Protein backbone atom coordinates (compact mmCIF):
# COMPACT_ATOMS: atom_id res chain seq x y z
CA UNK A 1 -5.73 -55.79 69.78
CA UNK A 2 -2.68 -54.03 67.28
CA UNK A 3 -3.53 -50.81 69.42
CA UNK A 4 -0.78 -49.07 66.86
CA UNK A 5 -3.77 -48.79 64.08
CA UNK A 6 -5.90 -47.26 66.42
CA UNK A 7 -7.20 -43.48 67.06
CA UNK A 8 -6.42 -42.07 70.16
CA UNK A 9 -10.12 -42.24 71.08
CA UNK A 10 -10.69 -45.87 70.42
CA UNK A 11 -6.98 -46.36 72.36
CA UNK A 12 -8.63 -44.89 75.27
CA UNK A 13 -12.31 -46.05 75.48
CA UNK A 14 -10.57 -49.69 74.61
CA UNK A 15 -8.77 -49.11 77.83
CA UNK A 16 -12.02 -47.66 79.81
CA UNK A 17 -13.84 -50.86 78.35
CA UNK A 18 -10.61 -52.99 79.71
CA UNK A 19 -9.68 -54.00 76.70
CA UNK A 20 -6.05 -53.45 77.30
CA UNK A 21 -3.80 -53.05 80.40
CA UNK A 22 -3.31 -49.27 81.82
CA UNK A 23 0.12 -47.95 82.14
CA UNK A 24 2.73 -48.76 84.74
CA UNK A 25 1.87 -45.63 85.88
CA UNK A 26 -1.51 -46.52 86.89
CA UNK A 27 -0.06 -48.78 89.54
CA UNK A 28 2.13 -45.58 90.81
CA UNK A 29 -0.60 -42.96 90.79
CA UNK A 30 -4.34 -45.09 91.34
CA UNK A 31 -6.19 -43.72 88.52
CA UNK A 32 -8.99 -45.52 86.32
CA UNK A 33 -10.05 -44.01 82.88
CA UNK A 34 -14.20 -43.23 83.58
CA UNK A 35 -15.00 -41.66 80.84
CA UNK A 36 -13.71 -40.54 77.76
CA UNK A 37 -15.32 -39.13 74.64
CA UNK A 38 -13.72 -36.63 72.02
CA UNK A 39 -12.41 -33.98 73.41
CA UNK A 40 -13.07 -34.84 77.15
CA UNK A 41 -11.49 -37.77 79.48
CA UNK A 42 -12.40 -38.53 83.04
CA UNK A 43 -10.32 -40.76 85.58
CA UNK A 44 -11.05 -41.69 89.05
CA UNK A 45 -7.88 -40.71 91.43
CA UNK A 46 -7.38 -42.15 94.75
CA UNK A 47 -4.37 -40.71 97.15
CA UNK A 48 -2.44 -43.91 99.77
CA UNK A 49 -0.74 -43.20 102.50
CA UNK A 50 2.27 -43.93 100.21
CA UNK A 51 1.43 -40.24 98.37
CA UNK A 52 1.66 -38.54 101.55
CA UNK A 53 5.04 -36.46 102.30
CA UNK A 54 7.04 -35.53 105.28
CA UNK A 55 4.48 -32.69 106.38
CA UNK A 56 1.51 -35.74 106.61
CA UNK A 57 0.01 -34.24 103.06
CA UNK A 58 -0.96 -35.47 99.68
CA UNK A 59 2.16 -34.65 97.79
CA UNK A 60 1.82 -32.14 95.06
CA UNK A 61 3.39 -34.63 92.79
CA UNK A 62 0.19 -36.97 92.78
CA UNK A 63 -1.90 -33.82 91.67
CA UNK A 64 0.72 -33.14 88.71
CA UNK A 65 0.84 -36.74 87.51
CA UNK A 66 -3.36 -36.72 87.64
CA UNK A 67 -3.26 -33.55 85.89
CA UNK A 68 -0.94 -34.72 83.57
CA UNK A 69 -2.01 -38.19 82.29
CA UNK A 70 -6.00 -35.89 82.26
CA UNK A 71 -5.04 -33.46 80.19
CA UNK A 72 -2.92 -35.22 78.20
CA UNK A 73 -5.34 -37.76 77.64
CA UNK A 74 -8.25 -35.37 76.26
CA UNK A 75 -5.19 -34.40 73.84
CA UNK A 76 -5.15 -38.15 73.34
CA UNK A 77 -8.53 -38.15 71.85
CA UNK A 78 -8.39 -36.24 69.17
CA UNK A 79 -5.25 -37.60 67.60
CA UNK A 80 -5.51 -40.35 64.50
CA UNK A 81 -3.99 -43.59 64.33
CA UNK A 82 0.10 -43.10 64.21
CA UNK A 83 0.23 -39.92 65.94
CA UNK A 84 0.74 -39.83 69.73
CA UNK A 85 1.77 -36.14 71.98
CA UNK A 86 4.55 -35.14 74.19
CA UNK A 87 3.75 -32.66 77.11
CA UNK A 88 5.32 -28.70 76.33
CA UNK A 89 4.22 -26.83 79.04
CA UNK A 90 2.54 -28.37 81.95
CA UNK A 91 0.93 -25.80 84.69
CA UNK A 92 -0.70 -26.56 88.12
CA UNK A 93 -2.63 -25.46 91.16
CA UNK A 94 -3.35 -26.21 93.89
CA UNK A 95 -5.62 -24.98 96.27
CA UNK A 96 -6.66 -27.20 98.93
CA UNK A 97 -5.33 -30.93 99.76
CA UNK A 98 -6.25 -34.08 98.84
CA UNK A 99 -7.61 -36.62 101.76
CA UNK A 100 -6.15 -40.11 101.90
CA UNK A 101 -8.82 -42.75 101.35
CA UNK A 102 -11.00 -40.34 98.79
CA UNK A 103 -11.88 -40.75 95.57
CA UNK A 104 -11.62 -37.54 93.38
CA UNK A 105 -12.61 -37.33 89.84
CA UNK A 106 -9.20 -35.97 87.29
CA UNK A 107 -11.93 -33.98 84.47
CA UNK A 108 -9.95 -32.77 81.65
CA UNK A 109 -10.79 -31.12 78.44
CA UNK A 110 -9.61 -29.92 75.31
CA UNK A 111 -9.11 -26.13 74.85
CA UNK A 112 -7.14 -26.12 71.02
CA UNK A 113 -6.06 -28.40 68.54
CA UNK A 114 -3.52 -26.93 66.04
CA UNK A 115 -2.02 -29.16 63.91
CA UNK A 116 1.26 -29.55 65.93
CA UNK A 117 0.46 -27.89 69.04
CA UNK A 118 -2.88 -29.03 71.55
CA UNK A 119 -3.83 -26.79 74.58
CA UNK A 120 -5.95 -28.44 76.85
CA UNK A 121 -7.32 -28.00 80.72
CA UNK A 122 -8.74 -29.34 83.94
CA UNK A 123 -9.04 -30.24 87.71
CA UNK A 124 -9.43 -32.77 90.33
CA UNK A 125 -12.94 -32.43 92.44
CA UNK A 126 -14.39 -34.14 94.34
CA UNK A 127 -18.29 -36.01 94.75
CA UNK A 128 -19.90 -31.85 94.97
CA UNK A 129 -17.58 -30.88 92.39
CA UNK A 130 -14.91 -28.64 94.95
CA UNK A 131 -11.93 -28.24 93.10
CA UNK A 132 -9.09 -29.36 95.14
CA UNK A 133 -6.69 -28.51 91.58
CA UNK A 134 -6.78 -27.35 88.36
CA UNK A 135 -4.39 -26.71 85.60
CA UNK A 136 -4.12 -26.43 81.63
CA UNK A 137 -1.29 -27.68 79.12
CA UNK A 138 0.11 -27.71 76.02
CA UNK A 139 1.14 -30.48 73.58
CA UNK A 140 2.96 -30.87 70.67
CA UNK A 141 1.41 -33.67 67.93
CA UNK A 142 4.22 -36.47 67.82
CA UNK A 143 4.30 -38.69 64.36
CA UNK A 144 5.34 -42.16 65.51
CA UNK A 145 6.94 -44.55 63.68
CA UNK A 146 4.95 -46.34 61.00
């Protein structure tokens, strides 16, 4: 599959369907894409023992990375082939600690799509929709070399 000619939504749909391999980051932060549509994305995320900090909790970087991936993915769904994005700003708030061995959902949606700037928001929730972290991202549209 020639991914250079795919729109963001087509690329992420191919990833969800197992037609292309996930990014190397998904081996660092276990994330599985389970839903994708224009302006919306959901990953399952599962913290492991190796994500714990010295205090015995899940490191805040786990939430930040999962939300960066989800908010970026929501932005990517509206990009045409030949365009990528870069995160300009990521704002994350953690509301309660994640637990090792539990699976959460990192959900994100598009708030605004301009010509050059995209704005998204996301949250990490459990099976009862209890929020563990939330945030927003501002992303810049970047033309790729053709």
